[in-house]
Amino acid sequence: MNVLLKKISFHKSGKPRRWLLRLIFKKNLTVRPFSRKLAYKKNGMIRPRFRAFTRKIEATSPEVISANQFIREEEAILKTLLPLESIVHTWRSKSDPSKLFTKSELQKEINKALDGTHSGIIVSVSNDNYRRVTGGVQLCIEHEEVQAKTNGFTYLQIHPWHALPRLGHICEEPDTIINLVINGNDLGCSRMSTLISVVHGFDEARIEIVIHHMLGHLPEQITELIQASRRESCLFWLHDFFSICPSYTLQRNKLSYCGAPAVDSNSCELCVFGKERVSHSLRMESFFRSNHIKIISPSEVTAKFWLSKSNLIFESLVVIPHVSLKFLPRASISKIVNPEPIRIAYLGAPVRHKGWTVFADLVAEFAESDYQFIVMSQKSPEIDFVDWTNVTVTANEPNAMSESVSNNQVDLVLHWPTWPETFSFTTFEALAGAAYVITNPGSGNVAAAVQETGRGIILDDEEALFEFFRSNAARKLAEGRREENSTTEVIQNRSRMSFDSLN
């Protein structure tokens, strides 16, 4: 759209001008047939600029939407949902690497890293390259790598060459090709059997196996790796619920939280992950029976949930939060700053299971209000009526997000996940930045953190959320936050990851 046409069609705020709305919508607020391309994207989703108006239609006349064939986000997802094995076929289309380490070559490379000065080797099992992919699990691994160096260990992270949305299957690749990252540097590729053989040959070096994720791996080969290390146990992190279901955030058909029902439930039969979950559960049970697994949960609420839904055999379970917060009185009371308007933020990747669609609906509904909406993430979101701040959190800059929250004087952070978060870095980053958090009862450790600190509010559902913003309640909560921040400072401490558990 050229600049002149954009000025004619939209206000500076991004709101469509009245003549454009009349062109697109009939009096009954249905979209005119010749205007559908203006109102909808090719995938059938409503364009963000018109989302607020379609939401009003939904609230007043749902039958009109049906007649107009309005495609909601859920319907669009279902229409494009592929069978799990079709997704696997697409992902596995990547050709194998041209070079694979031999045993002697890999042994030589690892010996170089050891250099006779290290206490041992941490072999970290995960699903992708934590140096190239951003996310909570990747940040944990990056931080653990730093801790390994501090504690005199070589850090060897492995992840499958072929990324998969489930466990690897022996029939498709009996010996997994893995990428190796040593002390943060890409080393190359080898077969898993080659690494197992190398690990078995280290008679004197202490080798610890830490499992962060098993996506794409063969659990049978990880068992061989653990046995080769000559350690009686390995550490297993509950970053999500992959040990229970291949849909690791427990989303039935990638749409709604299922609660991890019985494997033979009707819910699983209707889910794209249901068939895979049967063999997945059997292989996980075998893996846990074959090894001495020490479970590490990042929160109490996650430990309780996992114990209630899992029948896996394990040696021990400890809770090690990634971050802990202390709220201390300020040495001197700071002046209360009252920026206008009230600032509402979304932190992190704009994905559905983190509550992005709810935030986008909130923005559309209150675009013309006195609220200011901010998104803090690595990539710019495709949404109008928000301010975007580029933020990337790394082990070298672990406080980047909390500092951005503080610097932008954010009042409230909306974190509305569709599953019980196991920890939620963004929740603690919001609290560390002196913001309050708005969430729902099913958000796991998000709700637990809000309840424990008293810094935020837990609302029953989306209807209660929108009413919260329509009323004066959001402003009152924000004013309470500002007053609290004037007298209290927040101190955060980070764990040493697996080193808080290793003897």
Protein backbone atom coordinates (compact mmCIF):
# COMPACT_ATOMS: atom_id res chain seq x y z
CA MET A 1 0.00 0.00 0.00
CA ASN A 2 1.48 3.37 -0.99
CA VAL A 3 1.86 6.16 1.56
CA LEU A 4 -0.95 8.37 0.19
CA LEU A 5 -3.49 5.55 0.09
CA LYS A 6 -2.52 4.53 3.62
CA LYS A 7 -3.10 8.08 4.89
CA ILE A 8 -6.47 8.24 3.16
CA SER A 9 -7.53 4.83 4.53
CA PHE A 10 -6.27 4.89 8.12
CA HIS A 11 -5.89 7.29 11.04
CA LYS A 12 -2.40 7.85 12.51
CA SER A 13 -3.33 5.39 15.27
CA GLY A 14 -3.90 2.69 12.64
CA LYS A 15 -7.67 2.66 13.04
CA PRO A 16 -9.56 2.35 9.70
CA ARG A 17 -11.36 5.53 8.59
CA ARG A 18 -15.14 5.52 8.53
CA TRP A 19 -15.43 5.47 4.72
CA LEU A 20 -13.23 2.36 4.55
CA LEU A 21 -15.34 0.59 7.16
CA ARG A 22 -18.48 1.41 5.17
CA LEU A 23 -16.81 0.07 2.05
CA ILE A 24 -15.89 -3.23 3.73
CA PHE A 25 -18.83 -3.86 6.09
CA LYS A 26 -22.58 -3.91 5.47
CA LYS A 27 -24.99 -2.31 7.95
CA ASN A 28 -25.35 -5.66 9.72
CA LEU A 29 -21.54 -5.69 10.09
CA THR A 30 -20.95 -8.59 7.71
CA VAL A 31 -18.18 -8.24 5.15
CA ARG A 32 -19.26 -7.28 1.64
CA PRO A 33 -18.36 -10.06 -0.85
CA PHE A 34 -16.22 -7.78 -3.03
CA SER A 35 -14.28 -6.60 0.06
CA ARG A 36 -13.25 -9.99 1.43
CA LYS A 37 -9.70 -9.67 0.08
CA LEU A 38 -9.34 -6.38 1.94
CA ALA A 39 -10.63 -7.79 5.23
CA TYR A 40 -9.10 -11.28 5.24
CA LYS A 41 -5.66 -12.76 4.64
CA LYS A 42 -5.17 -15.65 2.20
CA ASN A 43 -5.35 -18.15 5.09
CA GLY A 44 -8.80 -16.86 6.06
CA MET A 45 -7.65 -14.97 9.15
CA ILE A 46 -9.01 -11.48 9.72
CA ARG A 47 -6.45 -8.73 9.19
CA PRO A 48 -5.28 -7.18 12.50
CA ARG A 49 -6.61 -3.71 11.60
CA PHE A 50 -10.17 -5.06 11.41
CA ARG A 51 -9.99 -7.58 14.26
CA ALA A 52 -11.70 -5.25 16.74
CA PHE A 53 -14.74 -4.97 14.49
CA THR A 54 -15.06 -8.70 13.90
CA ARG A 55 -14.88 -9.26 17.65
CA LYS A 56 -17.88 -6.96 18.05
CA ILE A 57 -19.73 -8.98 15.42
CA GLU A 58 -18.98 -12.19 17.27
CA ALA A 59 -20.30 -10.74 20.52
CA THR A 60 -23.58 -9.54 19.06
CA SER A 61 -24.46 -11.94 16.28
CA PRO A 62 -22.59 -15.27 16.06
CA GLU A 63 -24.97 -16.58 13.42
CA VAL A 64 -23.95 -13.72 11.12
CA ILE A 65 -20.35 -14.91 11.27
CA SER A 66 -21.40 -18.41 10.31
CA ALA A 67 -23.36 -17.09 7.36
CA ASN A 68 -20.36 -15.00 6.34
CA GLN A 69 -18.02 -17.98 6.69
CA PHE A 70 -15.81 -16.13 9.12
CA ILE A 71 -12.84 -18.39 9.89
CA ARG A 72 -11.66 -18.16 13.49
CA GLU A 73 -8.06 -18.87 14.36
CA GLU A 74 -8.94 -22.31 15.74
CA GLU A 75 -10.67 -23.30 12.51
CA ALA A 76 -7.73 -22.07 10.45
CA ILE A 77 -5.33 -24.21 12.52
CA LEU A 78 -7.50 -27.30 12.12
CA LYS A 79 -7.79 -26.74 8.37
CA THR A 80 -4.00 -26.76 8.02
CA LEU A 81 -3.30 -29.46 10.63
CA LEU A 82 -1.34 -32.33 9.11
CA PRO A 83 -0.98 -35.89 10.42
CA LEU A 84 2.07 -36.15 12.65
CA GLU A 85 3.93 -38.47 10.29
CA SER A 86 3.39 -36.06 7.40
CA ILE A 87 5.15 -33.39 9.45
CA VAL A 88 7.94 -35.86 10.23
CA HIS A 89 8.35 -36.64 6.52
CA THR A 90 8.72 -32.94 5.74
CA TRP A 91 11.20 -32.33 8.54
CA ARG A 92 13.29 -35.36 7.58
CA SER A 93 13.67 -34.16 3.99
CA LYS A 94 16.93 -32.49 4.99
CA SER A 95 19.86 -34.44 3.52
CA ASP A 96 22.47 -36.06 5.78
CA PRO A 97 25.71 -34.15 6.50
CA SER A 98 28.58 -34.73 4.09
CA LYS A 99 31.06 -35.43 6.89
CA LEU A 100 30.70 -37.54 10.04
CA PHE A 101 33.38 -37.91 12.70
CA THR A 102 35.02 -41.29 13.11
CA LYS A 103 35.67 -42.54 16.65
CA SER A 104 39.33 -41.51 16.60
CA GLU A 105 38.53 -38.07 15.18
CA LEU A 106 35.84 -37.36 17.75
CA GLN A 107 37.99 -38.64 20.59
CA LYS A 108 40.79 -36.33 19.48
CA GLU A 109 38.48 -33.28 19.39
CA ILE A 110 37.06 -33.94 22.85
CA ASN A 111 40.56 -34.52 24.27
CA LYS A 112 41.56 -31.11 22.90
CA ALA A 113 38.71 -29.52 24.85
CA LEU A 114 39.63 -31.42 28.01
CA ASP A 115 43.29 -30.40 27.74
CA GLY A 116 44.03 -32.27 30.96
CA THR A 117 42.74 -29.43 33.15
CA HIS A 118 39.01 -30.05 33.37
CA SER A 119 37.12 -31.81 36.16
CA GLY A 120 35.13 -33.84 33.66
CA ILE A 121 32.55 -33.65 30.89
CA ILE A 122 28.90 -32.68 31.00
CA VAL A 123 27.07 -34.35 28.11
CA SER A 124 23.91 -32.28 27.65
CA VAL A 125 21.14 -33.90 25.63
CA SER A 126 18.66 -31.58 23.90
CA ASN A 127 16.72 -31.05 20.69
CA ASP A 128 18.35 -28.06 18.96
CA ASN A 129 21.34 -25.73 18.91
CA TYR A 130 21.00 -23.49 21.97
CA ARG A 131 23.47 -21.04 20.46
CA ARG A 132 21.24 -20.40 17.44
CA VAL A 133 17.71 -20.92 18.76
CA THR A 134 16.19 -18.70 21.45
CA GLY A 135 13.83 -19.92 24.13
CA GLY A 136 13.59 -20.86 27.78
CA VAL A 137 15.22 -24.30 27.48
CA GLN A 138 17.99 -22.91 25.30
CA LEU A 139 18.67 -20.15 27.84
CA CYS A 140 18.93 -22.77 30.59
CA ILE A 141 21.48 -24.75 28.58
CA GLU A 142 23.48 -21.61 27.76
CA HIS A 143 23.57 -20.66 31.42
CA GLU A 144 24.57 -24.21 32.35
CA GLU A 145 27.45 -24.03 29.87
CA VAL A 146 28.73 -20.93 31.69
CA GLN A 147 28.43 -22.76 35.02
CA ALA A 148 30.33 -25.73 33.58
CA LYS A 149 33.26 -23.49 32.69
CA THR A 150 33.18 -21.94 36.18
CA ASN A 151 33.24 -25.41 37.74
CA GLY A 152 36.03 -26.72 35.51
CA PHE A 153 33.93 -28.96 33.24
CA THR A 154 33.93 -29.35 29.48
CA TYR A 155 30.39 -28.86 28.19
CA LEU A 156 29.34 -31.09 25.29
CA GLN A 157 25.81 -30.53 24.00
CA ILE A 158 24.26 -32.92 21.49
CA HIS A 159 21.10 -32.56 19.42
CA PRO A 160 19.68 -34.48 16.42
CA TRP A 161 20.71 -33.50 12.91
CA HIS A 162 17.14 -34.20 11.83
CA ALA A 163 14.79 -32.16 14.02
CA LEU A 164 11.60 -34.10 14.76
CA PRO A 165 8.26 -33.31 16.46
CA ARG A 166 8.46 -36.60 18.39
CA LEU A 167 10.97 -39.24 19.52
CA GLY A 168 13.12 -40.79 16.83
CA HIS A 169 11.96 -44.16 15.49
CA ILE A 170 14.44 -47.01 15.18
CA CYS A 171 12.87 -48.11 11.89
CA GLU A 172 13.63 -44.76 10.21
CA GLU A 173 17.12 -44.16 11.65
CA PRO A 174 18.54 -46.86 13.97
CA ASP A 175 21.65 -44.79 14.71
CA THR A 176 20.85 -41.10 15.17
CA ILE A 177 23.02 -38.48 13.49
CA ILE A 178 23.83 -35.83 16.07
CA ASN A 179 25.27 -32.32 16.03
CA LEU A 180 27.93 -31.68 18.66
CA VAL A 181 28.54 -28.31 20.33
CA ILE A 182 31.51 -28.18 22.68
CA ASN A 183 31.95 -25.26 25.09
CA GLY A 184 29.64 -23.17 22.89
CA ASN A 185 31.42 -23.92 19.60
CA ASP A 186 30.02 -26.04 16.76
CA LEU A 187 32.19 -29.13 16.53
CA GLY A 188 30.59 -31.16 13.74
CA CYS A 189 28.46 -34.29 13.38
CA SER A 190 28.71 -37.96 14.23
CA ARG A 191 26.54 -40.99 14.73
CA MET A 192 25.25 -41.45 18.27
CA SER A 193 27.00 -44.83 18.41
CA THR A 194 30.33 -43.09 17.74
CA LEU A 195 29.86 -40.78 20.73
CA ILE A 196 28.79 -43.72 22.91
CA SER A 197 31.98 -45.56 21.97
CA VAL A 198 34.12 -42.48 22.72
CA VAL A 199 32.44 -41.91 26.10
CA HIS A 200 32.97 -45.57 27.01
CA GLY A 201 36.68 -45.13 26.31
CA PHE A 202 37.15 -42.33 28.86
CA ASP A 203 38.30 -44.39 31.85
CA GLU A 204 39.37 -41.58 34.13
CA ALA A 205 37.29 -38.55 33.17
CA ARG A 206 34.14 -37.91 35.15
CA ILE A 207 31.19 -37.85 32.77
CA GLU A 208 27.72 -36.59 33.76
CA ILE A 209 24.68 -37.00 31.51
CA VAL A 210 22.09 -34.20 31.73
CA ILE A 211 18.86 -34.54 29.76
CA HIS A 212 17.17 -31.27 28.87
CA HIS A 213 15.02 -32.61 26.03
CA MET A 214 14.59 -35.87 24.12
CA LEU A 215 12.79 -34.60 21.00
CA GLY A 216 14.25 -36.38 17.96
CA HIS A 217 16.36 -38.79 20.02
CA LEU A 218 16.15 -42.56 20.44
CA PRO A 219 15.69 -43.17 24.20
CA GLU A 220 17.26 -46.59 23.67
CA GLN A 221 20.52 -44.95 22.54
CA ILE A 222 20.44 -42.42 25.39
CA THR A 223 20.31 -45.42 27.74
CA GLU A 224 23.45 -46.75 26.04
CA LEU A 225 25.10 -43.34 26.50
CA ILE A 226 24.28 -43.32 30.22
CA GLN A 227 25.67 -46.83 30.65
CA ALA A 228 28.83 -45.89 28.73
CA SER A 229 29.44 -43.00 31.17
CA ARG A 230 29.75 -45.54 34.03
CA ARG A 231 27.61 -43.29 36.19
CA GLU A 232 24.76 -44.86 38.13
CA SER A 233 22.39 -42.02 37.36
CA CYS A 234 21.58 -39.10 35.07
CA LEU A 235 19.77 -35.81 35.55
CA PHE A 236 16.43 -35.21 33.82
CA TRP A 237 14.92 -31.71 33.68
CA LEU A 238 11.15 -31.12 33.57
CA HIS A 239 11.25 -28.14 31.22
CA ASP A 240 7.90 -29.30 29.82
CA PHE A 241 5.83 -32.50 29.73
CA PHE A 242 7.48 -34.39 26.88
CA SER A 243 8.05 -37.33 29.24
CA ILE A 244 4.24 -37.67 29.39
CA CYS A 245 3.22 -36.87 25.80
CA PRO A 246 4.86 -35.92 22.49
CA SER A 247 2.63 -32.82 22.59
CA TYR A 248 4.94 -31.41 25.24
CA THR A 249 2.72 -28.45 26.19
CA LEU A 250 -0.26 -30.83 26.37
CA GLN A 251 -2.15 -29.14 23.53
CA ARG A 252 -4.74 -31.36 21.84
CA ASN A 253 -4.34 -30.84 18.09
CA LYS A 254 -2.18 -27.78 18.91
CA LEU A 255 -5.34 -25.96 20.00
CA SER A 256 -6.48 -26.59 23.56
CA TYR A 257 -5.09 -27.85 26.83
CA CYS A 258 -5.93 -31.52 27.36
CA GLY A 259 -4.72 -32.09 30.93
CA ALA A 260 -2.82 -35.28 30.01
CA PRO A 261 -5.71 -37.76 30.12
CA ALA A 262 -5.25 -41.55 29.98
CA VAL A 263 -3.54 -42.77 26.82
CA ASP A 264 -6.65 -44.73 25.79
CA SER A 265 -8.99 -41.75 26.31
CA ASN A 266 -11.31 -40.40 23.65
CA SER A 267 -9.41 -37.12 23.85
CA CYS A 268 -6.22 -38.85 22.69
CA GLU A 269 -8.05 -40.71 19.90
CA LEU A 270 -9.16 -37.36 18.47
CA CYS A 271 -5.67 -35.81 18.70
CA VAL A 272 -3.00 -35.79 16.03
CA PHE A 273 -0.50 -36.88 18.72
CA GLY A 274 -2.74 -39.66 20.11
CA LYS A 275 -1.41 -42.63 18.13
CA GLU A 276 2.21 -41.66 18.73
CA ARG A 277 1.55 -41.19 22.45
CA VAL A 278 0.88 -44.93 22.88
CA SER A 279 4.37 -46.02 21.78
CA HIS A 280 5.90 -42.84 23.25
CA SER A 281 4.60 -43.75 26.73
CA LEU A 282 5.87 -47.34 26.50
CA ARG A 283 9.34 -46.21 25.42
CA MET A 284 9.51 -43.58 28.17
CA GLU A 285 8.50 -46.19 30.76
CA SER A 286 11.24 -48.50 29.51
CA PHE A 287 13.79 -45.67 29.55
CA PHE A 288 12.99 -44.68 33.14
CA ARG A 289 13.03 -48.33 34.29
CA SER A 290 16.42 -48.93 32.67
CA ASN A 291 18.19 -45.96 34.29
CA HIS A 292 18.56 -44.24 37.66
CA ILE A 293 16.80 -40.99 36.82
CA LYS A 294 17.17 -37.96 39.06
CA ILE A 295 14.34 -35.57 38.26
CA ILE A 296 14.87 -31.82 38.53
CA SER A 297 11.74 -29.68 38.46
CA PRO A 298 11.99 -25.89 38.13
CA SER A 299 8.91 -25.37 40.36
CA GLU A 300 6.82 -27.03 43.05
CA VAL A 301 3.64 -26.80 40.99
CA THR A 302 5.31 -28.63 38.08
CA ALA A 303 6.61 -31.38 40.37
CA LYS A 304 3.14 -31.95 41.81
CA PHE A 305 1.48 -32.03 38.41
CA TRP A 306 4.08 -34.38 36.93
CA LEU A 307 3.75 -36.77 39.86
CA SER A 308 -0.03 -36.79 39.48
CA LYS A 309 0.10 -37.55 35.73
CA SER A 310 3.17 -39.76 35.41
CA ASN A 311 3.71 -43.34 36.50
CA LEU A 312 7.39 -43.28 35.54
CA ILE A 313 9.90 -44.83 37.93
CA PHE A 314 12.64 -42.47 39.15
CA GLU A 315 15.37 -42.36 41.78
CA SER A 316 14.80 -38.90 43.24
CA LEU A 317 13.10 -35.56 42.63
CA VAL A 318 14.30 -32.11 43.64
CA VAL A 319 12.95 -28.63 42.93
CA ILE A 320 15.50 -26.08 41.68
CA PRO A 321 13.92 -22.80 40.46
CA HIS A 322 15.89 -21.12 37.69
CA VAL A 323 15.43 -17.73 39.36
CA SER A 324 14.46 -16.63 42.85
CA LEU A 325 13.33 -13.14 43.83
CA LYS A 326 13.68 -11.09 46.98
CA PHE A 327 11.62 -7.98 47.68
CA LEU A 328 13.50 -5.59 49.95
CA PRO A 329 12.69 -2.11 51.30
CA ARG A 330 14.43 0.67 49.42
CA ALA A 331 17.07 2.62 51.31
CA SER A 332 15.09 5.73 50.43
CA ILE A 333 11.59 6.09 49.05
CA SER A 334 11.67 6.99 45.37
CA LYS A 335 9.30 9.43 43.76
CA ILE A 336 6.22 7.81 42.27
CA VAL A 337 6.35 8.23 38.51
CA ASN A 338 2.96 8.24 36.81
CA PRO A 339 3.50 7.86 33.09
CA GLU A 340 0.35 8.07 31.05
CA PRO A 341 -1.22 5.97 29.82
CA ILE A 342 -1.14 2.68 31.75
CA ARG A 343 1.45 0.48 30.06
CA ILE A 344 0.56 -3.13 29.22
CA ALA A 345 3.25 -5.47 27.85
CA TYR A 346 3.68 -8.87 26.28
CA LEU A 347 7.11 -10.46 26.73
CA GLY A 348 8.80 -13.02 24.50
CA ALA A 349 7.90 -14.99 21.40
CA PRO A 350 4.40 -14.25 20.00
CA VAL A 351 3.09 -17.83 20.12
CA ARG A 352 -0.40 -19.08 20.85
CA HIS A 353 0.36 -21.33 23.84
CA LYS A 354 2.01 -18.37 25.59
CA GLY A 355 -1.14 -16.25 25.25
CA TRP A 356 -0.25 -14.17 22.21
CA THR A 357 -3.68 -14.40 20.57
CA VAL A 358 -5.36 -13.20 23.76
CA PHE A 359 -2.97 -10.24 23.92
CA ALA A 360 -3.67 -9.44 20.25
CA ASP A 361 -7.43 -9.51 20.91
CA LEU A 362 -6.93 -7.24 23.92
CA VAL A 363 -4.99 -4.76 21.77
CA ALA A 364 -7.70 -4.80 19.10
CA GLU A 365 -10.45 -4.26 21.67
CA PHE A 366 -8.75 -1.37 23.47
CA ALA A 367 -6.75 0.18 20.62
CA GLU A 368 -8.57 3.51 21.06
CA SER A 369 -8.39 3.50 24.87
CA ASP A 370 -5.88 5.22 27.14
CA TYR A 371 -3.83 2.03 27.50
CA GLN A 372 -0.42 1.78 25.83
CA PHE A 373 0.51 -1.68 24.53
CA ILE A 374 4.13 -2.79 24.25
CA VAL A 375 5.68 -5.98 22.86
CA MET A 376 9.19 -6.93 23.98
CA SER A 377 10.64 -9.68 21.85
CA GLN A 378 13.44 -10.61 19.48
CA LYS A 379 11.29 -10.22 16.37
CA SER A 380 8.84 -7.48 15.50
CA PRO A 381 5.23 -8.68 15.77
CA GLU A 382 2.81 -8.39 12.85
CA ILE A 383 0.23 -6.36 14.72
CA ASP A 384 -0.92 -2.75 14.79
CA PHE A 385 -1.47 -0.45 17.76
CA VAL A 386 1.61 -1.64 19.70
CA ASP A 387 5.09 -0.33 20.40
CA TRP A 388 7.85 -2.87 19.87
CA THR A 389 11.11 -3.11 21.80
CA ASN A 390 13.82 -5.45 20.51
CA VAL A 391 14.99 -7.64 23.39
CA THR A 392 17.20 -10.73 23.31
CA VAL A 393 18.08 -12.55 26.52
CA THR A 394 21.35 -14.51 26.63
CA ALA A 395 23.65 -15.94 29.29
CA ASN A 396 25.83 -12.85 28.78
CA GLU A 397 22.83 -10.53 29.13
CA PRO A 398 20.47 -12.46 31.40
CA ASN A 399 18.74 -9.31 32.67
CA ALA A 400 17.98 -7.81 29.25
CA MET A 401 14.23 -8.39 29.53
CA SER A 402 13.78 -7.34 33.15
CA GLU A 403 15.82 -4.19 32.49
CA SER A 404 13.66 -3.40 29.45
CA VAL A 405 10.51 -3.83 31.55
CA SER A 406 11.92 -1.45 34.15
CA ASN A 407 13.26 1.09 31.65
CA ASN A 408 9.93 1.22 29.81
CA GLN A 409 8.08 1.62 33.13
CA VAL A 410 5.73 -1.26 32.31
CA ASP A 411 2.83 -1.49 34.72
CA LEU A 412 1.20 -4.79 33.80
CA VAL A 413 2.43 -7.82 31.85
CA LEU A 414 -0.18 -10.11 30.33
CA HIS A 415 0.98 -13.72 30.41
CA TRP A 416 -2.01 -15.90 29.52
CA PRO A 417 -0.65 -19.36 28.59
CA THR A 418 -2.93 -22.18 27.47
CA TRP A 419 -0.97 -24.76 29.47
CA PRO A 420 0.57 -25.01 32.96
CA GLU A 421 3.96 -23.36 32.51
CA THR A 422 6.73 -25.32 34.25
CA PHE A 423 8.64 -22.17 35.24
CA SER A 424 8.10 -19.12 32.96
CA PHE A 425 11.14 -16.89 32.65
CA THR A 426 8.98 -14.04 31.35
CA THR A 427 6.92 -14.03 34.55
CA PHE A 428 10.02 -13.63 36.69
CA GLU A 429 11.49 -11.09 34.27
CA ALA A 430 8.28 -9.07 34.59
CA LEU A 431 8.38 -9.23 38.39
CA ALA A 432 12.12 -8.44 38.46
CA GLY A 433 11.37 -5.40 36.31
CA ALA A 434 8.83 -4.26 38.94
CA ALA A 435 5.77 -4.99 36.78
CA TYR A 436 2.70 -6.90 37.94
CA VAL A 437 1.49 -10.00 36.08
CA ILE A 438 -2.00 -10.81 34.81
CA THR A 439 -2.71 -14.51 34.22
CA ASN A 440 -5.27 -17.32 34.45
CA PRO A 441 -5.71 -20.18 36.98
CA GLY A 442 -4.42 -22.83 34.56
CA SER A 443 -1.06 -21.16 33.90
CA GLY A 444 0.96 -23.37 36.25
CA ASN A 445 3.94 -21.63 37.80
CA VAL A 446 2.79 -18.25 36.44
CA ALA A 447 -0.26 -18.30 38.70
CA ALA A 448 1.82 -19.78 41.53
CA ALA A 449 4.31 -16.91 41.32
CA VAL A 450 1.55 -14.28 41.25
CA GLN A 451 -0.15 -15.91 44.23
CA GLU A 452 3.08 -16.20 46.21
CA THR A 453 4.29 -12.64 45.58
CA GLY A 454 0.91 -10.90 45.51
CA ARG A 455 2.18 -8.93 42.51
CA GLY A 456 -0.56 -9.27 39.96
CA ILE A 457 -3.94 -10.85 39.53
CA ILE A 458 -5.36 -14.23 38.48
CA LEU A 459 -8.54 -13.92 36.41
CA ASP A 460 -10.90 -16.81 35.72
CA ASP A 461 -11.24 -16.50 31.96
CA GLU A 462 -11.00 -14.18 28.96
CA GLU A 463 -14.41 -12.64 29.70
CA ALA A 464 -13.14 -11.65 33.15
CA LEU A 465 -9.93 -10.35 31.56
CA PHE A 466 -11.74 -8.02 29.16
CA GLU A 467 -14.08 -6.83 31.91
CA PHE A 468 -11.00 -6.14 34.06
CA PHE A 469 -9.78 -3.70 31.42
CA ARG A 470 -13.20 -2.18 30.71
CA SER A 471 -13.63 -1.34 34.39
CA ASN A 472 -11.28 0.77 36.48
CA ALA A 473 -9.66 -2.35 37.98
CA ALA A 474 -6.64 -2.39 35.65
CA ARG A 475 -5.83 1.23 36.46
CA LYS A 476 -6.14 0.57 40.20
CA LEU A 477 -3.79 -2.41 39.97
CA ALA A 478 -1.27 -0.34 37.99
CA GLU A 479 -1.44 2.49 40.55
CA GLY A 480 -0.86 -0.02 43.33
CA ARG A 481 2.19 -1.31 41.47
CA ARG A 482 3.64 2.19 41.16
CA GLU A 483 3.20 2.82 44.84
CA GLU A 484 4.78 -0.54 45.73
CA ASN A 485 7.72 0.12 43.42
CA SER A 486 8.45 3.44 45.13
CA THR A 487 9.20 1.66 48.42
CA THR A 488 10.44 -1.79 47.34
CA GLU A 489 13.29 -3.02 45.16
CA VAL A 490 13.55 -6.46 43.59
CA ILE A 491 16.69 -8.59 43.80
CA GLN A 492 16.99 -11.69 41.59
CA ASN A 493 19.29 -14.65 42.02
CA ARG A 494 19.89 -17.33 39.39
CA SER A 495 20.45 -21.00 40.04
CA ARG A 496 23.55 -22.89 38.94
CA MET A 497 21.29 -25.19 36.91
CA SER A 498 22.42 -28.86 37.15
CA PHE A 499 25.40 -27.88 39.29
CA ASP A 500 23.00 -27.23 42.18
CA SER A 501 22.30 -30.97 42.06
CA LEU A 502 25.62 -32.54 41.06
CA ASN A 503 27.78 -33.73 43.95
